């Protein structure tokens, strides 16, 4: 029995560490994939978690499963496919640590999860089901995702969503928009970036949060503001919390996922429904998550960069 089950992509992020004389980058491999990063933060901060997905029957697939196990994440829902490779992502960083992605995913193993391979029994007793839209880019994983969402809803789980828009992975932007709209209408809790809100509706983060609460049936919205922090809202409370300053950024890969997992861990500790959070509780959740995400940017990678609970609490205490 787990607090949170996530479905989606597991992959290897290749991040640049240096540049050779002929201009080619020297790359370091890091475990990644938004749902995996999200769950690793959850587990790091005291919640129980498991993942449903697919990797290749290859070195990277085996490493990813071992990494999740080492992070305390249940891996019984992750399958290994001998016919496809584990998905690879190549990260380019600008001088501020912001990243741009290129993917080896034609197909990648994560897109090959079939509906009949989703183990619905894993959802029994869970509190939250989490997913993102990258598992909707291709079949059969798109159908597997929709099946898992339906199973989770039928069991009364809260549905958590991080849209995690990656335009290069979509054949058409209209397809991405349709998938995001469908996903948002399934969700109780949404972590969405200011850039995604602007791309979808041309609205400010505050306006986007109100739209999700009013028109989509969402109960809790985290509208992240990049390095500026987060605006969070329910129907009864709203807060804007700045990110901590003075942190030397090396790599922002996974920071949004770590925010999401950190926020979820703190939300679960309240034992409340999302709509019942007080303003003080909402502020405390977001303050912890902003700090954890910011501290993660000091290191490269996603899962490997999550700060310890003691690091976050010590920083907050200062």
C-alpha atoms as a PDB file:
ATOM      1  CA  UNK A   1       0.000   0.000   0.000  1.00  0.00           C
ATOM      2  CA  UNK A   2       1.460   3.343  -1.084  1.00  0.00           C
ATOM      3  CA  UNK A   3       0.614   6.998  -0.513  1.00  0.00           C
ATOM      4  CA  UNK A   4       1.247   7.951  -4.151  1.00  0.00           C
ATOM      5  CA  UNK A   5       1.406   5.994  -7.420  1.00  0.00           C
ATOM      6  CA  UNK A   6       2.791   7.717 -10.514  1.00  0.00           C
ATOM      7  CA  UNK A   7       2.721   6.638 -14.141  1.00  0.00           C
ATOM      8  CA  UNK A   8       5.006   7.944 -16.842  1.00  0.00           C
ATOM      9  CA  UNK A   9       8.476   8.257 -18.268  1.00  0.00           C
ATOM     10  CA  UNK A  10      11.745   7.068 -16.805  1.00  0.00           C
ATOM     11  CA  UNK A  11      14.767   8.165 -18.800  1.00  0.00           C
ATOM     12  CA  UNK A  12      18.407   9.137 -18.738  1.00  0.00           C
ATOM     13  CA  UNK A  13      19.282  12.842 -18.787  1.00  0.00           C
ATOM     14  CA  UNK A  14      22.654  13.520 -20.390  1.00  0.00           C
ATOM     15  CA  UNK A  15      23.914  16.856 -19.039  1.00  0.00           C
ATOM     16  CA  UNK A  16      26.955  18.716 -20.402  1.00  0.00           C
ATOM     17  CA  UNK A  17      29.974  18.912 -18.124  1.00  0.00           C
ATOM     18  CA  UNK A  18      32.599  20.310 -20.476  1.00  0.00           C
ATOM     19  CA  UNK A  19      33.264  21.045 -24.143  1.00  0.00           C
ATOM     20  CA  UNK A  20      35.984  19.336 -26.139  1.00  0.00           C
ATOM     21  CA  UNK A  21      38.335  21.210 -28.448  1.00  0.00           C
ATOM     22  CA  UNK A  22      36.244  20.290 -31.498  1.00  0.00           C
ATOM     23  CA  UNK A  23      33.074  21.692 -29.908  1.00  0.00           C
ATOM     24  CA  UNK A  24      31.424  18.430 -28.867  1.00  0.00           C
ATOM     25  CA  UNK A  25      30.115  18.287 -25.283  1.00  0.00           C
ATOM     26  CA  UNK A  26      31.297  15.885 -22.614  1.00  0.00           C
ATOM     27  CA  UNK A  27      28.095  14.467 -21.143  1.00  0.00           C
ATOM     28  CA  UNK A  28      27.273  12.941 -17.764  1.00  0.00           C
ATOM     29  CA  UNK A  29      24.345  10.537 -17.399  1.00  0.00           C
ATOM     30  CA  UNK A  30      21.760  11.200 -14.682  1.00  0.00           C
ATOM     31  CA  UNK A  31      18.544   9.306 -13.806  1.00  0.00           C
ATOM     32  CA  UNK A  32      15.482  11.313 -14.776  1.00  0.00           C
ATOM     33  CA  UNK A  33      11.946  11.511 -16.015  1.00  0.00           C
ATOM     34  CA  UNK A  34       9.462  13.881 -14.375  1.00  0.00           C
ATOM     35  CA  UNK A  35       7.367  11.236 -12.532  1.00  0.00           C
ATOM     36  CA  UNK A  36      10.508   9.544 -11.212  1.00  0.00           C
ATOM     37  CA  UNK A  37      11.907  12.854  -9.956  1.00  0.00           C
ATOM     38  CA  UNK A  38       8.538  13.664  -8.369  1.00  0.00           C
ATOM     39  CA  UNK A  39       8.377  10.328  -6.544  1.00  0.00           C
ATOM     40  CA  UNK A  40      11.998  10.524  -5.419  1.00  0.00           C
ATOM     41  CA  UNK A  41      11.288  13.857  -3.720  1.00  0.00           C
ATOM     42  CA  UNK A  42       8.180  12.372  -2.126  1.00  0.00           C
ATOM     43  CA  UNK A  43      10.101   9.423  -0.766  1.00  0.00           C
ATOM     44  CA  UNK A  44      12.960  11.649   0.387  1.00  0.00           C
ATOM     45  CA  UNK A  45      10.513  13.639   2.499  1.00  0.00           C
ATOM     46  CA  UNK A  46       8.726  10.738   4.115  1.00  0.00           C
ATOM     47  CA  UNK A  47       5.883   9.534   1.862  1.00  0.00           C
ATOM     48  CA  UNK A  48       5.583   6.064   0.352  1.00  0.00           C
ATOM     49  CA  UNK A  49       5.562   5.878  -3.432  1.00  0.00           C
ATOM     50  CA  UNK A  50       5.599   3.507  -6.387  1.00  0.00           C
ATOM     51  CA  UNK A  51       5.830   3.846 -10.155  1.00  0.00           C
ATOM     52  CA  UNK A  52       4.123   2.333 -13.188  1.00  0.00           C
ATOM     53  CA  UNK A  53       6.084   2.517 -16.432  1.00  0.00           C
ATOM     54  CA  UNK A  54       8.428   0.821 -18.869  1.00  0.00           C
ATOM     55  CA  UNK A  55      12.158   0.876 -19.566  1.00  0.00           C
ATOM     56  CA  UNK A  56      14.300  -1.065 -22.007  1.00  0.00           C
ATOM     57  CA  UNK A  57      15.958  -4.357 -21.169  1.00  0.00           C
ATOM     58  CA  UNK A  58      19.295  -2.598 -21.272  1.00  0.00           C
ATOM     59  CA  UNK A  59      21.952  -1.144 -18.998  1.00  0.00           C
ATOM     60  CA  UNK A  60      20.167   2.158 -18.489  1.00  0.00           C
ATOM     61  CA  UNK A  61      16.833   0.501 -17.788  1.00  0.00           C
ATOM     62  CA  UNK A  62      18.378  -1.680 -15.115  1.00  0.00           C
ATOM     63  CA  UNK A  63      20.180   1.308 -13.608  1.00  0.00           C
ATOM     64  CA  UNK A  64      16.968   3.349 -13.436  1.00  0.00           C
ATOM     65  CA  UNK A  65      15.066   0.589 -11.653  1.00  0.00           C
ATOM     66  CA  UNK A  66      17.935   0.194  -9.177  1.00  0.00           C
ATOM     67  CA  UNK A  67      18.028   3.958  -8.599  1.00  0.00           C
ATOM     68  CA  UNK A  68      14.316   4.078  -7.805  1.00  0.00           C
ATOM     69  CA  UNK A  69      14.637   1.150  -5.432  1.00  0.00           C
ATOM     70  CA  UNK A  70      17.545   2.849  -3.687  1.00  0.00           C
ATOM     71  CA  UNK A  71      15.340   5.950  -3.348  1.00  0.00           C
ATOM     72  CA  UNK A  72      12.680   3.879  -1.583  1.00  0.00           C
ATOM     73  CA  UNK A  73      10.250   3.797  -4.522  1.00  0.00           C
ATOM     74  CA  UNK A  74       8.279   0.649  -5.328  1.00  0.00           C
ATOM     75  CA  UNK A  75       9.223  -0.690  -8.773  1.00  0.00           C
ATOM     76  CA  UNK A  76       6.909  -3.672  -9.185  1.00  0.00           C
ATOM     77  CA  UNK A  77       4.896  -1.705 -11.763  1.00  0.00           C
ATOM     78  CA  UNK A  78       7.920  -1.011 -14.002  1.00  0.00           C
ATOM     79  CA  UNK A  79       8.311  -3.416 -16.924  1.00  0.00           C
ATOM     80  CA  UNK A  80      11.440  -4.090 -18.992  1.00  0.00           C
ATOM     81  CA  UNK A  81      10.976  -4.400 -22.751  1.00  0.00           C
ATOM     82  CA  UNK A  82      13.669  -6.209 -24.793  1.00  0.00           C
ATOM     83  CA  UNK A  83      12.446  -4.709 -28.080  1.00  0.00           C
ATOM     84  CA  UNK A  84      13.002  -0.994 -27.384  1.00  0.00           C
ATOM     85  CA  UNK A  85      15.654   1.182 -25.770  1.00  0.00           C
ATOM     86  CA  UNK A  86      15.269   3.164 -22.580  1.00  0.00           C
ATOM     87  CA  UNK A  87      14.446   6.770 -23.495  1.00  0.00           C
ATOM     88  CA  UNK A  88      17.360   9.235 -23.529  1.00  0.00           C
ATOM     89  CA  UNK A  89      17.220  13.018 -23.103  1.00  0.00           C
ATOM     90  CA  UNK A  90      20.106  15.317 -24.005  1.00  0.00           C
ATOM     91  CA  UNK A  91      20.166  18.535 -22.002  1.00  0.00           C
ATOM     92  CA  UNK A  92      21.690  21.818 -23.130  1.00  0.00           C
ATOM     93  CA  UNK A  93      22.194  24.481 -20.472  1.00  0.00           C
ATOM     94  CA  UNK A  94      22.462  28.245 -20.835  1.00  0.00           C
ATOM     95  CA  UNK A  95      24.625  30.451 -18.597  1.00  0.00           C
ATOM     96  CA  UNK A  96      21.833  30.615 -15.981  1.00  0.00           C
ATOM     97  CA  UNK A  97      21.438  26.836 -15.762  1.00  0.00           C
ATOM     98  CA  UNK A  98      18.165  26.807 -17.729  1.00  0.00           C
ATOM     99  CA  UNK A  99      17.791  23.758 -19.924  1.00  0.00           C
ATOM    100  CA  UNK A 100      16.706  22.765 -23.399  1.00  0.00           C
ATOM    101  CA  UNK A 101      15.981  19.133 -24.301  1.00  0.00           C
ATOM    102  CA  UNK A 102      16.534  16.826 -27.270  1.00  0.00           C
ATOM    103  CA  UNK A 103      15.107  13.303 -27.036  1.00  0.00           C
ATOM    104  CA  UNK A 104      16.021   9.856 -28.364  1.00  0.00           C
ATOM    105  CA  UNK A 105      12.474   8.491 -28.212  1.00  0.00           C
ATOM    106  CA  UNK A 106      11.406   7.071 -31.604  1.00  0.00           C
ATOM    107  CA  UNK A 107      10.095   5.086 -29.837  1.00  0.00           C
ATOM    108  CA  UNK A 108      11.440   5.073 -26.320  1.00  0.00           C
ATOM    109  CA  UNK A 109      10.449   2.329 -23.931  1.00  0.00           C
ATOM    110  CA  UNK A 110       8.228   4.671 -21.899  1.00  0.00           C
ATOM    111  CA  UNK A 111       5.911   5.208 -24.903  1.00  0.00           C
ATOM    112  CA  UNK A 112       5.384   1.451 -25.291  1.00  0.00           C
ATOM    113  CA  UNK A 113       3.478   0.764 -22.069  1.00  0.00           C
ATOM    114  CA  UNK A 114       0.235  -0.987 -23.044  1.00  0.00           C
ATOM    115  CA  UNK A 115      -3.124  -0.615 -21.270  1.00  0.00           C
ATOM    116  CA  UNK A 116      -3.226  -4.276 -20.289  1.00  0.00           C
ATOM    117  CA  UNK A 117       0.158  -3.833 -18.570  1.00  0.00           C
ATOM    118  CA  UNK A 118      -1.210  -1.308 -16.063  1.00  0.00           C
ATOM    119  CA  UNK A 119      -1.583  -3.090 -12.725  1.00  0.00           C
ATOM    120  CA  UNK A 120      -4.772  -1.642 -11.263  1.00  0.00           C
ATOM    121  CA  UNK A 121      -4.263  -3.562  -8.019  1.00  0.00           C
ATOM    122  CA  UNK A 122      -1.328  -1.253  -7.213  1.00  0.00           C
ATOM    123  CA  UNK A 123      -3.829   1.575  -6.797  1.00  0.00           C
ATOM    124  CA  UNK A 124      -5.729  -0.160  -4.017  1.00  0.00           C
ATOM    125  CA  UNK A 125      -5.231   1.717  -0.765  1.00  0.00           C
ATOM    126  CA  UNK A 126      -3.274   4.567  -2.367  1.00  0.00           C
ATOM    127  CA  UNK A 127      -4.186   8.205  -1.696  1.00  0.00           C
ATOM    128  CA  UNK A 128      -2.967   9.902  -4.881  1.00  0.00           C
ATOM    129  CA  UNK A 129      -2.374   9.023  -8.536  1.00  0.00           C
ATOM    130  CA  UNK A 130       0.075  11.298 -10.343  1.00  0.00           C
ATOM    131  CA  UNK A 131       0.784  11.679 -14.071  1.00  0.00           C
ATOM    132  CA  UNK A 132       1.998  14.114 -16.723  1.00  0.00           C
ATOM    133  CA  UNK A 133       1.235  14.695 -20.374  1.00  0.00           C
ATOM    134  CA  UNK A 134       4.430  13.148 -21.794  1.00  0.00           C
ATOM    135  CA  UNK A 135       2.819   9.724 -21.459  1.00  0.00           C
ATOM    136  CA  UNK A 136       0.063  10.995 -23.805  1.00  0.00           C
ATOM    137  CA  UNK A 137       2.330  11.853 -26.756  1.00  0.00           C
ATOM    138  CA  UNK A 138       2.262   8.367 -28.323  1.00  0.00           C
ATOM    139  CA  UNK A 139       0.322   5.136 -28.351  1.00  0.00           C
ATOM    140  CA  UNK A 140       0.042   2.736 -26.647  1.00  0.00           C
ATOM    141  CA  UNK A 141       1.186   4.702 -23.586  1.00  0.00           C
ATOM    142  CA  UNK A 142      -1.542   7.313 -24.119  1.00  0.00           C
ATOM    143  CA  UNK A 143      -4.255   4.662 -23.803  1.00  0.00           C
ATOM    144  CA  UNK A 144      -2.459   3.129 -20.820  1.00  0.00           C
ATOM    145  CA  UNK A 145      -2.437   6.542 -19.122  1.00  0.00           C
ATOM    146  CA  UNK A 146      -6.135   7.130 -19.729  1.00  0.00           C
ATOM    147  CA  UNK A 147      -6.918   3.686 -18.363  1.00  0.00           C
ATOM    148  CA  UNK A 148      -4.853   4.325 -15.231  1.00  0.00           C
ATOM    149  CA  UNK A 149      -6.562   7.681 -14.629  1.00  0.00           C
ATOM    150  CA  UNK A 150      -9.977   6.032 -14.974  1.00  0.00           C
ATOM    151  CA  UNK A 151      -8.978   3.258 -12.562  1.00  0.00           C
ATOM    152  CA  UNK A 152      -7.670   5.792 -10.050  1.00  0.00           C
ATOM    153  CA  UNK A 153     -10.823   7.891 -10.240  1.00  0.00           C
ATOM    154  CA  UNK A 154     -13.014   4.799  -9.798  1.00  0.00           C
ATOM    155  CA  UNK A 155     -11.096   4.002  -6.600  1.00  0.00           C
ATOM    156  CA  UNK A 156     -11.547   7.515  -5.216  1.00  0.00           C
ATOM    157  CA  UNK A 157      -7.890   8.577  -5.419  1.00  0.00           C
ATOM    158  CA  UNK A 158      -6.913  12.211  -5.694  1.00  0.00           C
ATOM    159  CA  UNK A 159      -5.555  12.903  -9.182  1.00  0.00           C
ATOM    160  CA  UNK A 160      -2.338  14.931  -9.344  1.00  0.00           C
ATOM    161  CA  UNK A 161      -1.053  16.415 -12.607  1.00  0.00           C
ATOM    162  CA  UNK A 162       2.099  18.112 -13.839  1.00  0.00           C
ATOM    163  CA  UNK A 163       1.470  19.000 -17.519  1.00  0.00           C
ATOM    164  CA  UNK A 164       5.241  19.219 -18.145  1.00  0.00           C
ATOM    165  CA  UNK A 165       4.984  20.581 -21.684  1.00  0.00           C
ATOM    166  CA  UNK A 166       7.820  19.467 -23.991  1.00  0.00           C
ATOM    167  CA  UNK A 167       6.923  20.752 -27.450  1.00  0.00           C
ATOM    168  CA  UNK A 168       9.550  18.723 -29.385  1.00  0.00           C
ATOM    169  CA  UNK A 169       7.846  15.484 -28.316  1.00  0.00           C
ATOM    170  CA  UNK A 170       4.514  16.393 -29.910  1.00  0.00           C
ATOM    171  CA  UNK A 171       3.804  16.001 -33.618  1.00  0.00           C
ATOM    172  CA  UNK A 172       1.522  19.052 -33.499  1.00  0.00           C
ATOM    173  CA  UNK A 173       1.016  21.732 -30.889  1.00  0.00           C
ATOM    174  CA  UNK A 174      -2.738  21.215 -31.220  1.00  0.00           C
ATOM    175  CA  UNK A 175      -2.255  17.652 -29.974  1.00  0.00           C
ATOM    176  CA  UNK A 176      -0.328  18.915 -26.966  1.00  0.00           C
ATOM    177  CA  UNK A 177      -3.041  21.447 -26.217  1.00  0.00           C
ATOM    178  CA  UNK A 178      -5.807  18.825 -26.448  1.00  0.00           C
ATOM    179  CA  UNK A 179      -3.901  16.443 -24.168  1.00  0.00           C
ATOM    180  CA  UNK A 180      -3.265  19.158 -21.600  1.00  0.00           C
ATOM    181  CA  UNK A 181      -6.901  20.250 -21.633  1.00  0.00           C
ATOM    182  CA  UNK A 182      -8.068  16.655 -21.105  1.00  0.00           C
ATOM    183  CA  UNK A 183      -5.528  16.095 -18.333  1.00  0.00           C
ATOM    184  CA  UNK A 184      -6.401  19.283 -16.482  1.00  0.00           C
ATOM    185  CA  UNK A 185     -10.066  18.262 -16.402  1.00  0.00           C
ATOM    186  CA  UNK A 186      -9.130  15.003 -14.660  1.00  0.00           C
ATOM    187  CA  UNK A 187      -7.054  16.573 -11.916  1.00  0.00           C
ATOM    188  CA  UNK A 188      -7.687  17.578  -8.318  1.00  0.00           C
ATOM    189  CA  UNK A 189      -4.164  18.938  -7.751  1.00  0.00           C
ATOM    190  CA  UNK A 190      -2.214  20.691 -10.527  1.00  0.00           C
ATOM    191  CA  UNK A 191       1.375  21.901 -10.594  1.00  0.00           C
ATOM    192  CA  UNK A 192       1.669  24.103 -13.697  1.00  0.00           C
ATOM    193  CA  UNK A 193       4.272  26.662 -14.756  1.00  0.00           C
ATOM    194  CA  UNK A 194       3.674  30.293 -15.602  1.00  0.00           C
ATOM    195  CA  UNK A 195       4.972  29.524 -19.124  1.00  0.00           C
ATOM    196  CA  UNK A 196       2.414  26.732 -19.564  1.00  0.00           C
ATOM    197  CA  UNK A 197      -0.417  28.976 -18.376  1.00  0.00           C
ATOM    198  CA  UNK A 198       0.652  31.676 -20.815  1.00  0.00           C
ATOM    199  CA  UNK A 199       0.932  29.144 -23.673  1.00  0.00           C
ATOM    200  CA  UNK A 200      -2.496  27.668 -22.974  1.00  0.00           C
ATOM    201  CA  UNK A 201      -4.560  30.780 -22.311  1.00  0.00           C
ATOM    202  CA  UNK A 202      -2.387  33.896 -22.456  1.00  0.00           C
ATOM    203  CA  UNK A 203      -3.088  34.582 -18.774  1.00  0.00           C
ATOM    204  CA  UNK A 204      -1.046  35.547 -15.740  1.00  0.00           C
ATOM    205  CA  UNK A 205      -0.274  32.807 -13.162  1.00  0.00           C
ATOM    206  CA  UNK A 206      -2.914  34.220 -10.798  1.00  0.00           C
ATOM    207  CA  UNK A 207      -5.542  34.367 -13.553  1.00  0.00           C
ATOM    208  CA  UNK A 208      -4.624  30.856 -14.699  1.00  0.00           C
ATOM    209  CA  UNK A 209      -4.981  29.489 -11.177  1.00  0.00           C
ATOM    210  CA  UNK A 210      -8.418  31.071 -10.824  1.00  0.00           C
ATOM    211  CA  UNK A 211      -9.458  29.638 -14.200  1.00  0.00           C
ATOM    212  CA  UNK A 212      -8.427  26.122 -13.180  1.00  0.00           C
ATOM    213  CA  UNK A 213     -10.301  26.386  -9.877  1.00  0.00           C
ATOM    214  CA  UNK A 214     -13.414  27.895 -11.433  1.00  0.00           C
ATOM    215  CA  UNK A 215     -13.744  26.154 -14.798  1.00  0.00           C
ATOM    216  CA  UNK A 216     -11.829  22.856 -14.567  1.00  0.00           C
ATOM    217  CA  UNK A 217     -12.859  21.546 -11.160  1.00  0.00           C
ATOM    218  CA  UNK A 218      -9.300  21.610  -9.775  1.00  0.00           C
ATOM    219  CA  UNK A 219      -9.082  21.907  -5.975  1.00  0.00           C
ATOM    220  CA  UNK A 220      -5.457  22.993  -5.507  1.00  0.00           C
ATOM    221  CA  UNK A 221      -3.182  24.810  -7.971  1.00  0.00           C
ATOM    222  CA  UNK A 222       0.539  25.442  -7.737  1.00  0.00           C
ATOM    223  CA  UNK A 223       1.442  27.963 -10.449  1.00  0.00           C
ATOM    224  CA  UNK A 224       5.234  27.996 -10.410  1.00  0.00           C
ATOM    225  CA  UNK A 225       7.074  31.186 -11.341  1.00  0.00           C
ATOM    226  CA  UNK A 226      10.503  29.842 -12.264  1.00  0.00           C
ATOM    227  CA  UNK A 227      13.196  31.417 -10.065  1.00  0.00           C
ATOM    228  CA  UNK A 228      10.643  33.827  -8.582  1.00  0.00           C
ATOM    229  CA  UNK A 229       8.743  31.220  -6.535  1.00  0.00           C
ATOM    230  CA  UNK A 230       5.142  30.023  -6.699  1.00  0.00           C
ATOM    231  CA  UNK A 231       1.567  31.267  -6.552  1.00  0.00           C
ATOM    232  CA  UNK A 232      -0.686  28.652  -4.957  1.00  0.00           C
ATOM    233  CA  UNK A 233      -4.441  28.742  -4.587  1.00  0.00           C
ATOM    234  CA  UNK A 234      -7.550  26.867  -3.520  1.00  0.00           C
ATOM    235  CA  UNK A 235     -11.090  28.228  -3.641  1.00  0.00           C
ATOM    236  CA  UNK A 236     -10.618  29.540  -0.097  1.00  0.00           C
ATOM    237  CA  UNK A 237      -6.993  30.665   0.096  1.00  0.00           C
ATOM    238  CA  UNK A 238      -4.186  32.005  -2.063  1.00  0.00           C
ATOM    239  CA  UNK A 239      -0.517  32.737  -1.377  1.00  0.00           C
ATOM    240  CA  UNK A 240       2.519  33.841  -3.355  1.00  0.00           C
ATOM    241  CA  UNK A 241       5.821  32.649  -1.939  1.00  0.00           C
ATOM    242  CA  UNK A 242       9.211  33.770  -3.286  1.00  0.00           C
ATOM    243  CA  UNK A 243      12.071  31.366  -3.845  1.00  0.00           C
ATOM    244  CA  UNK A 244      15.090  31.792  -1.597  1.00  0.00           C
ATOM    245  CA  UNK A 245      17.809  34.069  -2.927  1.00  0.00           C
ATOM    246  CA  UNK A 246      21.561  33.687  -3.146  1.00  0.00           C
ATOM    247  CA  UNK A 247      21.645  30.088  -4.393  1.00  0.00           C
ATOM    248  CA  UNK A 248      24.333  29.339  -7.000  1.00  0.00           C
ATOM    249  CA  UNK A 249      22.456  27.598  -9.827  1.00  0.00           C
ATOM    250  CA  UNK A 250      24.234  24.817 -11.711  1.00  0.00           C
ATOM    251  CA  UNK A 251      21.311  23.003 -13.343  1.00  0.00           C
ATOM    252  CA  UNK A 252      17.534  23.500 -13.120  1.00  0.00           C
ATOM    253  CA  UNK A 253      16.747  20.011 -14.481  1.00  0.00           C
ATOM    254  CA  UNK A 254      14.095  18.374 -12.307  1.00  0.00           C
ATOM    255  CA  UNK A 255      13.526  21.420 -10.098  1.00  0.00           C
ATOM    256  CA  UNK A 256       9.833  21.635 -11.013  1.00  0.00           C
ATOM    257  CA  UNK A 257       9.369  17.920 -10.333  1.00  0.00           C
ATOM    258  CA  UNK A 258      11.140  18.243  -7.003  1.00  0.00           C
ATOM    259  CA  UNK A 259       8.874  21.164  -6.144  1.00  0.00           C
ATOM    260  CA  UNK A 260       5.852  18.981  -6.955  1.00  0.00           C
ATOM    261  CA  UNK A 261       7.008  15.994  -4.911  1.00  0.00           C
ATOM    262  CA  UNK A 262       8.041  18.199  -1.995  1.00  0.00           C
ATOM    263  CA  UNK A 263       4.694  19.996  -1.995  1.00  0.00           C
ATOM    264  CA  UNK A 264       2.820  16.694  -2.175  1.00  0.00           C
ATOM    265  CA  UNK A 265       4.775  15.289   0.768  1.00  0.00           C
ATOM    266  CA  UNK A 266       3.855  18.296   2.889  1.00  0.00           C
ATOM    267  CA  UNK A 267       0.232  18.274   1.743  1.00  0.00           C
ATOM    268  CA  UNK A 268      -0.161  14.606   2.688  1.00  0.00           C
ATOM    269  CA  UNK A 269       1.125  15.341   6.190  1.00  0.00           C
ATOM    270  CA  UNK A 270      -1.842  17.682   6.768  1.00  0.00           C
ATOM    271  CA  UNK A 271      -4.295  14.806   6.340  1.00  0.00           C
ATOM    272  CA  UNK A 272      -6.740  17.260   4.761  1.00  0.00           C
ATOM    273  CA  UNK A 273      -8.626  17.508   1.500  1.00  0.00           C
ATOM    274  CA  UNK A 274      -6.963  20.049  -0.837  1.00  0.00           C
ATOM    275  CA  UNK A 275      -9.843  22.513  -0.620  1.00  0.00           C
ATOM    276  CA  UNK A 276      -9.695  22.535   3.204  1.00  0.00           C
ATOM    277  CA  UNK A 277      -6.145  23.859   3.532  1.00  0.00           C
ATOM    278  CA  UNK A 278      -5.819  27.085   5.485  1.00  0.00           C
ATOM    279  CA  UNK A 279      -3.770  29.977   4.145  1.00  0.00           C
ATOM    280  CA  UNK A 280      -1.084  29.246   6.744  1.00  0.00           C
ATOM    281  CA  UNK A 281      -0.909  25.570   5.757  1.00  0.00           C
ATOM    282  CA  UNK A 282      -0.753  26.465   2.072  1.00  0.00           C
ATOM    283  CA  UNK A 283       2.054  28.943   2.692  1.00  0.00           C
ATOM    284  CA  UNK A 284       4.054  26.414   4.696  1.00  0.00           C
ATOM    285  CA  UNK A 285       3.679  23.758   1.979  1.00  0.00           C
ATOM    286  CA  UNK A 286       4.836  26.131  -0.748  1.00  0.00           C
ATOM    287  CA  UNK A 287       7.662  27.579   1.340  1.00  0.00           C
ATOM    288  CA  UNK A 288       9.120  24.105   1.923  1.00  0.00           C
ATOM    289  CA  UNK A 289       8.696  23.112  -1.736  1.00  0.00           C
ATOM    290  CA  UNK A 290      10.248  26.318  -3.107  1.00  0.00           C
ATOM    291  CA  UNK A 291      13.250  25.829  -0.840  1.00  0.00           C
ATOM    292  CA  UNK A 292      13.726  22.159  -1.753  1.00  0.00           C
ATOM    293  CA  UNK A 293      13.465  22.913  -5.460  1.00  0.00           C
ATOM    294  CA  UNK A 294      15.857  25.857  -5.244  1.00  0.00           C
ATOM    295  CA  UNK A 295      18.461  23.893  -3.292  1.00  0.00           C
ATOM    296  CA  UNK A 296      18.265  21.098  -5.886  1.00  0.00           C
ATOM    297  CA  UNK A 297      19.550  23.447  -8.595  1.00  0.00           C
ATOM    298  CA  UNK A 298      22.992  23.528  -6.956  1.00  0.00           C
ATOM    299  CA  UNK A 299      23.682  20.056  -8.375  1.00  0.00           C
ATOM    300  CA  UNK A 300      23.256  18.438 -11.773  1.00  0.00           C
ATOM    301  CA  UNK A 301      20.428  16.026 -12.529  1.00  0.00           C
ATOM    302  CA  UNK A 302      16.994  15.416 -11.048  1.00  0.00           C
ATOM    303  CA  UNK A 303      16.837  12.484  -8.617  1.00  0.00           C
ATOM    304  CA  UNK A 304      20.494  12.898  -7.707  1.00  0.00           C
ATOM    305  CA  UNK A 305      20.035  16.576  -6.745  1.00  0.00           C
ATOM    306  CA  UNK A 306      17.238  16.308  -4.145  1.00  0.00           C
ATOM    307  CA  UNK A 307      18.372  17.900  -0.855  1.00  0.00           C
ATOM    308  CA  UNK A 308      17.898  16.051   2.414  1.00  0.00           C
ATOM    309  CA  UNK A 309      15.068  17.048   4.780  1.00  0.00           C
ATOM    310  CA  UNK A 310      17.704  18.382   7.179  1.00  0.00           C
ATOM    311  CA  UNK A 311      19.221  20.617   4.483  1.00  0.00           C
ATOM    312  CA  UNK A 312      15.813  22.112   3.699  1.00  0.00           C
ATOM    313  CA  UNK A 313      14.841  22.618   7.335  1.00  0.00           C
ATOM    314  CA  UNK A 314      18.222  24.129   8.191  1.00  0.00           C
ATOM    315  CA  UNK A 315      17.937  26.569   5.298  1.00  0.00           C
ATOM    316  CA  UNK A 316      14.426  27.543   6.351  1.00  0.00           C
ATOM    317  CA  UNK A 317      15.519  28.013   9.928  1.00  0.00           C
ATOM    318  CA  UNK A 318      18.206  30.458   8.771  1.00  0.00           C
END
